[in-house]
Amino acid sequence: MTSETSTQDKARTLQALHEAPEILQVVNVWDAISAKVIADLPQTRALATAGHSIAASLGYPDGGMPLDTALDAAGLIARSVDLPVSADLDDGYDDPAETVRRAIGLGIVGANIEDRMRPFDEAVARVHAAVRAAEAEGVTFQLNARTDALIRGGDAPIEERIDEAIRRGRAFLDEGAALVFVPGALQRPHVERIVDALGPLKLSVIGLPGALPATDYEQLGVARISYGPLTQRVALRALRDLGEELYAGGVIPADTPALN
């Protein structure tokens, strides 16, 4: 465990990573040991938690984890590494301002907070509250304000959903969000349109199957790419495959690494 770097220093580091021309890749983690494994890679500059993965590891459905549980898990990850940690805080819970204030107190310097397609004015007000709370704490908190306009837009044509993502994204940035996270923005033309509307280095995407390589998003002006619960699913697939091998008479591979 380490806490050598101050919370504000970590926040400024994360801000600089978001504003750099090189895309920030954050490989999502869900507990202290997954955080350590990724943090030990020399390419790692920051970490992000995956709320879905934390919830799954603790027996909760996605979006159904209590706030105290979510904060405890994210705080443990933040204490486990001396890198900036951005937390998935679902929709910010009942009081986004208080949620952010508590997260900062645990050493967390950024967060995803999703709009879940609440009415426009309400969604913007919640972003406003979160940003003002961070300012009151004196921390350059990096709010990765998420809009679900593409993935919760129902049967609306994709162009209309992109229009709504842009409308909400612009409003979130106006309120002080660092980035706008738009899940579902995978295809090059859609990403180009959103970047053109929001400006370079303001869009955050998720690397789902079918997404472009990170370098392609970097060329398009995307600031950040994360991988959500997919990292845990890959790890669990490896565990499942090992179990099958052991049941079939196999042994633990000789090159299995030790964990310090």
C-alpha atoms as a PDB file:
ATOM      1  CA  MET A   1       0.000   0.000   0.000  1.00  0.00           C
ATOM      2  CA  THR A   2       1.235   3.505  -0.708  1.00  0.00           C
ATOM      3  CA  SER A   3       0.007   7.076  -0.497  1.00  0.00           C
ATOM      4  CA  GLU A   4       3.208   8.954  -1.255  1.00  0.00           C
ATOM      5  CA  THR A   5       1.693  11.357  -3.768  1.00  0.00           C
ATOM      6  CA  SER A   6      -0.945  13.854  -2.675  1.00  0.00           C
ATOM      7  CA  THR A   7      -4.469  13.632  -4.009  1.00  0.00           C
ATOM      8  CA  GLN A   8      -4.179  16.969  -5.780  1.00  0.00           C
ATOM      9  CA  ASP A   9      -0.861  15.970  -7.376  1.00  0.00           C
ATOM     10  CA  LYS A  10      -2.491  12.816  -8.691  1.00  0.00           C
ATOM     11  CA  ALA A  11      -5.443  14.839  -9.978  1.00  0.00           C
ATOM     12  CA  ARG A  12      -3.118  17.174 -11.859  1.00  0.00           C
ATOM     13  CA  THR A  13      -1.261  14.200 -13.292  1.00  0.00           C
ATOM     14  CA  LEU A  14      -4.519  12.714 -14.555  1.00  0.00           C
ATOM     15  CA  GLN A  15      -5.520  16.080 -16.003  1.00  0.00           C
ATOM     16  CA  ALA A  16      -2.214  16.289 -17.878  1.00  0.00           C
ATOM     17  CA  LEU A  17      -2.711  12.775 -19.234  1.00  0.00           C
ATOM     18  CA  HIS A  18      -6.173  13.716 -20.490  1.00  0.00           C
ATOM     19  CA  GLU A  19      -4.844  16.862 -22.144  1.00  0.00           C
ATOM     20  CA  ALA A  20      -1.789  15.243 -23.760  1.00  0.00           C
ATOM     21  CA  PRO A  21      -1.952  14.470 -27.490  1.00  0.00           C
ATOM     22  CA  GLU A  22      -1.232  10.795 -26.751  1.00  0.00           C
ATOM     23  CA  ILE A  23      -4.379   8.849 -25.939  1.00  0.00           C
ATOM     24  CA  LEU A  24      -4.645   7.691 -22.343  1.00  0.00           C
ATOM     25  CA  GLN A  25      -5.301   3.965 -22.138  1.00  0.00           C
ATOM     26  CA  VAL A  26      -6.716   2.846 -18.802  1.00  0.00           C
ATOM     27  CA  VAL A  27      -6.922  -0.899 -18.261  1.00  0.00           C
ATOM     28  CA  ASN A  28      -9.800  -1.309 -15.836  1.00  0.00           C
ATOM     29  CA  VAL A  29      -9.265  -3.089 -12.525  1.00  0.00           C
ATOM     30  CA  TRP A  30     -11.603  -4.333  -9.798  1.00  0.00           C
ATOM     31  CA  ASP A  31      -9.588  -5.092  -6.662  1.00  0.00           C
ATOM     32  CA  ALA A  32      -6.198  -4.530  -5.053  1.00  0.00           C
ATOM     33  CA  ILE A  33      -4.399  -7.388  -6.785  1.00  0.00           C
ATOM     34  CA  SER A  34      -5.693  -6.593 -10.270  1.00  0.00           C
ATOM     35  CA  ALA A  35      -4.678  -2.975  -9.626  1.00  0.00           C
ATOM     36  CA  LYS A  36      -1.164  -4.061  -8.639  1.00  0.00           C
ATOM     37  CA  VAL A  37      -0.776  -6.299 -11.695  1.00  0.00           C
ATOM     38  CA  ILE A  38      -1.680  -3.482 -14.086  1.00  0.00           C
ATOM     39  CA  ALA A  39       0.126  -0.766 -12.100  1.00  0.00           C
ATOM     40  CA  ASP A  40       3.351  -2.788 -12.308  1.00  0.00           C
ATOM     41  CA  LEU A  41       3.338  -2.588 -16.099  1.00  0.00           C
ATOM     42  CA  PRO A  42       5.738   0.167 -17.183  1.00  0.00           C
ATOM     43  CA  GLN A  43       3.216   1.533 -19.697  1.00  0.00           C
ATOM     44  CA  THR A  44       0.582   2.198 -17.034  1.00  0.00           C
ATOM     45  CA  ARG A  45       0.107   5.873 -16.211  1.00  0.00           C
ATOM     46  CA  ALA A  46      -3.278   5.776 -14.466  1.00  0.00           C
ATOM     47  CA  LEU A  47      -5.923   3.284 -13.412  1.00  0.00           C
ATOM     48  CA  ALA A  48      -9.681   3.171 -13.689  1.00  0.00           C
ATOM     49  CA  THR A  49     -12.029   0.932 -11.771  1.00  0.00           C
ATOM     50  CA  ALA A  50     -14.776  -1.030 -13.488  1.00  0.00           C
ATOM     51  CA  GLY A  51     -17.962  -0.749 -11.468  1.00  0.00           C
ATOM     52  CA  HIS A  52     -19.547  -3.710 -13.226  1.00  0.00           C
ATOM     53  CA  SER A  53     -16.513  -5.859 -12.380  1.00  0.00           C
ATOM     54  CA  ILE A  54     -16.437  -4.786  -8.730  1.00  0.00           C
ATOM     55  CA  ALA A  55     -20.149  -5.471  -8.422  1.00  0.00           C
ATOM     56  CA  ALA A  56     -19.777  -8.909 -10.022  1.00  0.00           C
ATOM     57  CA  SER A  57     -16.902  -9.829  -7.708  1.00  0.00           C
ATOM     58  CA  LEU A  58     -19.054  -8.949  -4.679  1.00  0.00           C
ATOM     59  CA  GLY A  59     -22.249 -10.594  -5.865  1.00  0.00           C
ATOM     60  CA  TYR A  60     -24.169  -7.514  -7.023  1.00  0.00           C
ATOM     61  CA  PRO A  61     -25.742  -6.840 -10.423  1.00  0.00           C
ATOM     62  CA  ASP A  62     -24.331  -4.022 -12.495  1.00  0.00           C
ATOM     63  CA  GLY A  63     -25.675  -0.770 -11.091  1.00  0.00           C
ATOM     64  CA  GLY A  64     -26.952  -2.464  -7.939  1.00  0.00           C
ATOM     65  CA  MET A  65     -23.963  -2.022  -5.649  1.00  0.00           C
ATOM     66  CA  PRO A  66     -24.547   0.157  -2.561  1.00  0.00           C
ATOM     67  CA  LEU A  67     -22.625   3.423  -2.447  1.00  0.00           C
ATOM     68  CA  ASP A  68     -20.625   2.515   0.658  1.00  0.00           C
ATOM     69  CA  THR A  69     -19.545  -0.747  -0.953  1.00  0.00           C
ATOM     70  CA  ALA A  70     -18.556   0.973  -4.192  1.00  0.00           C
ATOM     71  CA  LEU A  71     -16.527   3.607  -2.367  1.00  0.00           C
ATOM     72  CA  ASP A  72     -14.832   1.068  -0.109  1.00  0.00           C
ATOM     73  CA  ALA A  73     -13.730  -0.964  -3.127  1.00  0.00           C
ATOM     74  CA  ALA A  74     -12.518   2.054  -5.089  1.00  0.00           C
ATOM     75  CA  GLY A  75     -10.752   3.454  -2.042  1.00  0.00           C
ATOM     76  CA  LEU A  76      -8.903   0.183  -1.508  1.00  0.00           C
ATOM     77  CA  ILE A  77      -7.671   0.313  -5.093  1.00  0.00           C
ATOM     78  CA  ALA A  78      -6.564   3.939  -4.677  1.00  0.00           C
ATOM     79  CA  ARG A  79      -4.609   3.018  -1.538  1.00  0.00           C
ATOM     80  CA  SER A  80      -2.998   0.062  -3.280  1.00  0.00           C
ATOM     81  CA  VAL A  81      -1.086   2.076  -5.875  1.00  0.00           C
ATOM     82  CA  ASP A  82       0.690   5.395  -6.171  1.00  0.00           C
ATOM     83  CA  LEU A  83      -0.982   6.274  -9.465  1.00  0.00           C
ATOM     84  CA  PRO A  84      -4.021   8.390 -10.283  1.00  0.00           C
ATOM     85  CA  VAL A  85      -7.210   6.357  -9.916  1.00  0.00           C
ATOM     86  CA  SER A  86     -10.488   7.213 -11.603  1.00  0.00           C
ATOM     87  CA  ALA A  87     -13.531   5.404 -10.216  1.00  0.00           C
ATOM     88  CA  ASP A  88     -16.702   4.206 -11.854  1.00  0.00           C
ATOM     89  CA  LEU A  89     -19.357   5.747  -9.610  1.00  0.00           C
ATOM     90  CA  ASP A  90     -22.392   4.581 -11.600  1.00  0.00           C
ATOM     91  CA  ASP A  91     -24.871   7.488 -11.776  1.00  0.00           C
ATOM     92  CA  GLY A  92     -23.437   9.313  -8.759  1.00  0.00           C
ATOM     93  CA  TYR A  93     -26.111   7.791  -6.497  1.00  0.00           C
ATOM     94  CA  ASP A  94     -28.648   9.981  -4.692  1.00  0.00           C
ATOM     95  CA  ASP A  95     -26.305  12.931  -4.183  1.00  0.00           C
ATOM     96  CA  PRO A  96     -23.511  13.189  -6.780  1.00  0.00           C
ATOM     97  CA  ALA A  97     -21.853  16.059  -4.915  1.00  0.00           C
ATOM     98  CA  GLU A  98     -21.566  14.057  -1.701  1.00  0.00           C
ATOM     99  CA  THR A  99     -20.443  10.985  -3.629  1.00  0.00           C
ATOM    100  CA  VAL A 100     -17.609  12.948  -5.245  1.00  0.00           C
ATOM    101  CA  ARG A 101     -16.656  14.566  -1.952  1.00  0.00           C
ATOM    102  CA  ARG A 102     -16.383  11.167  -0.283  1.00  0.00           C
ATOM    103  CA  ALA A 103     -14.447   9.732  -3.220  1.00  0.00           C
ATOM    104  CA  ILE A 104     -11.893  12.537  -3.025  1.00  0.00           C
ATOM    105  CA  GLY A 105     -11.485  11.816   0.664  1.00  0.00           C
ATOM    106  CA  LEU A 106     -10.428   8.287  -0.299  1.00  0.00           C
ATOM    107  CA  GLY A 107      -7.750   9.525  -2.698  1.00  0.00           C
ATOM    108  CA  ILE A 108      -9.782   9.079  -5.879  1.00  0.00           C
ATOM    109  CA  VAL A 109      -9.076  11.819  -8.430  1.00  0.00           C
ATOM    110  CA  GLY A 110     -11.564  11.178 -11.212  1.00  0.00           C
ATOM    111  CA  ALA A 111     -14.817   9.400 -11.908  1.00  0.00           C
ATOM    112  CA  ASN A 112     -17.269   8.196 -14.480  1.00  0.00           C
ATOM    113  CA  ILE A 113     -20.783   9.360 -13.644  1.00  0.00           C
ATOM    114  CA  GLU A 114     -23.471   8.327 -16.099  1.00  0.00           C
ATOM    115  CA  ASP A 115     -26.624  10.217 -16.987  1.00  0.00           C
ATOM    116  CA  ARG A 116     -28.775   7.113 -17.600  1.00  0.00           C
ATOM    117  CA  MET A 117     -30.694   9.382 -19.934  1.00  0.00           C
ATOM    118  CA  ARG A 118     -32.304  11.373 -17.164  1.00  0.00           C
ATOM    119  CA  PRO A 119     -34.101  14.486 -18.404  1.00  0.00           C
ATOM    120  CA  PHE A 120     -31.591  16.897 -19.902  1.00  0.00           C
ATOM    121  CA  ASP A 121     -31.771  19.615 -17.246  1.00  0.00           C
ATOM    122  CA  GLU A 122     -31.533  17.102 -14.415  1.00  0.00           C
ATOM    123  CA  ALA A 123     -28.521  15.389 -15.997  1.00  0.00           C
ATOM    124  CA  VAL A 124     -26.734  18.716 -16.425  1.00  0.00           C
ATOM    125  CA  ALA A 125     -27.544  19.759 -12.846  1.00  0.00           C
ATOM    126  CA  ARG A 126     -25.997  16.553 -11.512  1.00  0.00           C
ATOM    127  CA  VAL A 127     -22.779  17.202 -13.429  1.00  0.00           C
ATOM    128  CA  HIS A 128     -22.778  20.760 -12.108  1.00  0.00           C
ATOM    129  CA  ALA A 129     -23.137  19.493  -8.525  1.00  0.00           C
ATOM    130  CA  ALA A 130     -20.310  16.980  -8.900  1.00  0.00           C
ATOM    131  CA  VAL A 131     -17.903  19.522 -10.365  1.00  0.00           C
ATOM    132  CA  ARG A 132     -18.702  22.175  -7.756  1.00  0.00           C
ATOM    133  CA  ALA A 133     -18.162  19.642  -4.961  1.00  0.00           C
ATOM    134  CA  ALA A 134     -14.690  18.845  -6.272  1.00  0.00           C
ATOM    135  CA  GLU A 135     -13.865  22.529  -6.542  1.00  0.00           C
ATOM    136  CA  ALA A 136     -14.916  23.009  -2.928  1.00  0.00           C
ATOM    137  CA  GLU A 137     -12.474  20.249  -1.954  1.00  0.00           C
ATOM    138  CA  GLY A 138      -9.661  22.031  -3.810  1.00  0.00           C
ATOM    139  CA  VAL A 139      -9.013  19.089  -6.130  1.00  0.00           C
ATOM    140  CA  THR A 140      -8.746  19.194  -9.928  1.00  0.00           C
ATOM    141  CA  PHE A 141     -11.107  16.243 -10.100  1.00  0.00           C
ATOM    142  CA  GLN A 142     -11.379  14.706 -13.553  1.00  0.00           C
ATOM    143  CA  LEU A 143     -15.044  14.060 -14.180  1.00  0.00           C
ATOM    144  CA  ASN A 144     -15.516  11.743 -17.150  1.00  0.00           C
ATOM    145  CA  ALA A 145     -19.193  12.613 -17.595  1.00  0.00           C
ATOM    146  CA  ARG A 146     -20.947   9.772 -19.338  1.00  0.00           C
ATOM    147  CA  THR A 147     -23.971  10.064 -21.571  1.00  0.00           C
ATOM    148  CA  ASP A 148     -25.899   6.966 -22.546  1.00  0.00           C
ATOM    149  CA  ALA A 149     -27.497   8.644 -25.539  1.00  0.00           C
ATOM    150  CA  LEU A 150     -26.116   6.075 -27.987  1.00  0.00           C
ATOM    151  CA  ILE A 151     -26.799   2.934 -25.954  1.00  0.00           C
ATOM    152  CA  ARG A 152     -30.100   3.980 -24.350  1.00  0.00           C
ATOM    153  CA  GLY A 153     -31.546   5.885 -27.246  1.00  0.00           C
ATOM    154  CA  GLY A 154     -34.109   3.233 -28.041  1.00  0.00           C
ATOM    155  CA  ASP A 155     -35.163   2.928 -31.659  1.00  0.00           C
ATOM    156  CA  ALA A 156     -34.094   6.446 -32.621  1.00  0.00           C
ATOM    157  CA  PRO A 157     -31.847   6.592 -35.690  1.00  0.00           C
ATOM    158  CA  ILE A 158     -28.152   6.656 -34.891  1.00  0.00           C
ATOM    159  CA  GLU A 159     -27.795  10.209 -36.213  1.00  0.00           C
ATOM    160  CA  GLU A 160     -30.411  11.438 -33.733  1.00  0.00           C
ATOM    161  CA  ARG A 161     -28.699   9.614 -30.894  1.00  0.00           C
ATOM    162  CA  ILE A 162     -25.377  11.182 -31.835  1.00  0.00           C
ATOM    163  CA  ASP A 163     -27.054  14.605 -31.886  1.00  0.00           C
ATOM    164  CA  GLU A 164     -28.296  13.998 -28.341  1.00  0.00           C
ATOM    165  CA  ALA A 165     -24.883  12.773 -27.181  1.00  0.00           C
ATOM    166  CA  ILE A 166     -23.358  15.964 -28.547  1.00  0.00           C
ATOM    167  CA  ARG A 167     -26.020  18.167 -26.934  1.00  0.00           C
ATOM    168  CA  ARG A 168     -25.486  16.569 -23.566  1.00  0.00           C
ATOM    169  CA  GLY A 169     -21.722  16.416 -23.958  1.00  0.00           C
ATOM    170  CA  ARG A 170     -21.436  20.117 -24.711  1.00  0.00           C
ATOM    171  CA  ALA A 171     -23.562  20.930 -21.669  1.00  0.00           C
ATOM    172  CA  PHE A 172     -21.460  18.675 -19.431  1.00  0.00           C
ATOM    173  CA  LEU A 173     -18.252  20.333 -20.643  1.00  0.00           C
ATOM    174  CA  ASP A 174     -19.780  23.757 -20.068  1.00  0.00           C
ATOM    175  CA  GLU A 175     -20.379  22.734 -16.450  1.00  0.00           C
ATOM    176  CA  GLY A 176     -16.728  21.813 -16.016  1.00  0.00           C
ATOM    177  CA  ALA A 177     -16.506  18.106 -16.828  1.00  0.00           C
ATOM    178  CA  ALA A 178     -13.037  17.135 -18.002  1.00  0.00           C
ATOM    179  CA  LEU A 179     -14.238  14.658 -20.617  1.00  0.00           C
ATOM    180  CA  VAL A 180     -17.419  13.265 -22.107  1.00  0.00           C
ATOM    181  CA  PHE A 181     -17.687   9.490 -22.127  1.00  0.00           C
ATOM    182  CA  VAL A 182     -19.885   8.140 -24.922  1.00  0.00           C
ATOM    183  CA  PRO A 183     -20.255   4.344 -24.788  1.00  0.00           C
ATOM    184  CA  GLY A 184     -21.190   2.983 -28.180  1.00  0.00           C
ATOM    185  CA  ALA A 185     -19.018   5.427 -30.123  1.00  0.00           C
ATOM    186  CA  LEU A 186     -16.969   2.810 -31.956  1.00  0.00           C
ATOM    187  CA  GLN A 187     -17.153   3.527 -35.665  1.00  0.00           C
ATOM    188  CA  ARG A 188     -14.833   6.045 -37.227  1.00  0.00           C
ATOM    189  CA  PRO A 189     -17.503   8.336 -38.779  1.00  0.00           C
ATOM    190  CA  HIS A 190     -19.400   8.559 -35.482  1.00  0.00           C
ATOM    191  CA  VAL A 191     -16.255   9.309 -33.500  1.00  0.00           C
ATOM    192  CA  GLU A 192     -15.160  11.927 -36.024  1.00  0.00           C
ATOM    193  CA  ARG A 193     -18.496  13.687 -35.771  1.00  0.00           C
ATOM    194  CA  ILE A 194     -18.484  13.746 -31.979  1.00  0.00           C
ATOM    195  CA  VAL A 195     -14.889  14.961 -31.785  1.00  0.00           C
ATOM    196  CA  ASP A 196     -15.651  17.691 -34.320  1.00  0.00           C
ATOM    197  CA  ALA A 197     -18.570  18.837 -32.161  1.00  0.00           C
ATOM    198  CA  LEU A 198     -16.930  18.612 -28.732  1.00  0.00           C
ATOM    199  CA  GLY A 199     -13.390  19.515 -29.720  1.00  0.00           C
ATOM    200  CA  PRO A 200     -10.207  17.446 -29.640  1.00  0.00           C
ATOM    201  CA  LEU A 201      -9.202  15.650 -26.439  1.00  0.00           C
ATOM    202  CA  LYS A 202     -12.675  15.859 -24.935  1.00  0.00           C
ATOM    203  CA  LEU A 203     -14.109  12.468 -25.902  1.00  0.00           C
ATOM    204  CA  SER A 204     -13.653   9.249 -23.939  1.00  0.00           C
ATOM    205  CA  VAL A 205     -14.568   5.867 -25.442  1.00  0.00           C
ATOM    206  CA  ILE A 206     -14.690   2.217 -24.415  1.00  0.00           C
ATOM    207  CA  GLY A 207     -12.775  -0.480 -26.255  1.00  0.00           C
ATOM    208  CA  LEU A 208     -15.525  -3.039 -26.731  1.00  0.00           C
ATOM    209  CA  PRO A 209     -15.141  -5.881 -29.223  1.00  0.00           C
ATOM    210  CA  GLY A 210     -15.319  -4.274 -32.634  1.00  0.00           C
ATOM    211  CA  ALA A 211     -13.696  -1.023 -31.511  1.00  0.00           C
ATOM    212  CA  LEU A 212     -10.776   0.536 -33.334  1.00  0.00           C
ATOM    213  CA  PRO A 213      -7.226   0.208 -31.984  1.00  0.00           C
ATOM    214  CA  ALA A 214      -6.265   2.892 -29.482  1.00  0.00           C
ATOM    215  CA  THR A 215      -3.829   4.456 -31.960  1.00  0.00           C
ATOM    216  CA  ASP A 216      -6.671   5.037 -34.418  1.00  0.00           C
ATOM    217  CA  TYR A 217      -8.739   6.813 -31.785  1.00  0.00           C
ATOM    218  CA  GLU A 218      -5.690   8.880 -30.887  1.00  0.00           C
ATOM    219  CA  GLN A 219      -5.419  10.041 -34.503  1.00  0.00           C
ATOM    220  CA  LEU A 220      -9.094  11.032 -34.382  1.00  0.00           C
ATOM    221  CA  GLY A 221      -8.538  13.255 -31.334  1.00  0.00           C
ATOM    222  CA  VAL A 222      -9.949  10.985 -28.623  1.00  0.00           C
ATOM    223  CA  ALA A 223      -8.498  11.685 -25.174  1.00  0.00           C
ATOM    224  CA  ARG A 224      -9.037   8.385 -23.391  1.00  0.00           C
ATOM    225  CA  ILE A 225      -9.985   4.766 -23.940  1.00  0.00           C
ATOM    226  CA  SER A 226     -10.980   2.337 -21.208  1.00  0.00           C
ATOM    227  CA  TYR A 227     -12.109  -1.280 -21.345  1.00  0.00           C
ATOM    228  CA  GLY A 228     -14.801  -1.551 -18.675  1.00  0.00           C
ATOM    229  CA  PRO A 229     -15.722  -5.041 -17.470  1.00  0.00           C
ATOM    230  CA  LEU A 230     -14.050  -6.705 -20.467  1.00  0.00           C
ATOM    231  CA  THR A 231     -10.739  -7.001 -18.624  1.00  0.00           C
ATOM    232  CA  GLN A 232     -12.327  -9.031 -15.833  1.00  0.00           C
ATOM    233  CA  ARG A 233     -14.167 -11.194 -18.344  1.00  0.00           C
ATOM    234  CA  VAL A 234     -10.903 -12.043 -20.099  1.00  0.00           C
ATOM    235  CA  ALA A 235      -9.337 -12.918 -16.736  1.00  0.00           C
ATOM    236  CA  LEU A 236     -12.312 -15.097 -15.816  1.00  0.00           C
ATOM    237  CA  ARG A 237     -12.130 -16.858 -19.159  1.00  0.00           C
ATOM    238  CA  ALA A 238      -8.499 -17.707 -18.400  1.00  0.00           C
ATOM    239  CA  LEU A 239      -9.575 -19.067 -15.004  1.00  0.00           C
ATOM    240  CA  ARG A 240     -12.324 -21.140 -16.598  1.00  0.00           C
ATOM    241  CA  ASP A 241      -9.925 -22.514 -19.213  1.00  0.00           C
ATOM    242  CA  LEU A 242      -7.402 -23.436 -16.519  1.00  0.00           C
ATOM    243  CA  GLY A 243     -10.111 -25.207 -14.544  1.00  0.00           C
ATOM    244  CA  GLU A 244     -11.033 -27.262 -17.595  1.00  0.00           C
ATOM    245  CA  GLU A 245      -7.374 -28.169 -18.153  1.00  0.00           C
ATOM    246  CA  LEU A 246      -6.905 -29.230 -14.528  1.00  0.00           C
ATOM    247  CA  TYR A 247     -10.067 -31.361 -14.557  1.00  0.00           C
ATOM    248  CA  ALA A 248      -8.760 -32.995 -17.737  1.00  0.00           C
ATOM    249  CA  GLY A 249      -5.557 -34.084 -15.993  1.00  0.00           C
ATOM    250  CA  GLY A 250      -3.427 -31.024 -16.601  1.00  0.00           C
ATOM    251  CA  VAL A 251      -1.187 -29.223 -14.126  1.00  0.00           C
ATOM    252  CA  ILE A 252      -0.470 -25.601 -13.217  1.00  0.00           C
ATOM    253  CA  PRO A 253       1.869 -24.237 -15.908  1.00  0.00           C
ATOM    254  CA  ALA A 254       5.525 -24.110 -14.880  1.00  0.00           C
ATOM    255  CA  ASP A 255       5.824 -20.484 -16.005  1.00  0.00           C
ATOM    256  CA  THR A 256       3.076 -19.272 -13.673  1.00  0.00           C
ATOM    257  CA  PRO A 257       4.410 -16.000 -12.207  1.00  0.00           C
ATOM    258  CA  ALA A 258       4.690 -15.259  -8.529  1.00  0.00           C
ATOM    259  CA  LEU A 259       2.859 -12.238  -7.151  1.00  0.00           C
ATOM    260  CA  ASN A 260       4.830 -10.034  -4.787  1.00  0.00           C
END
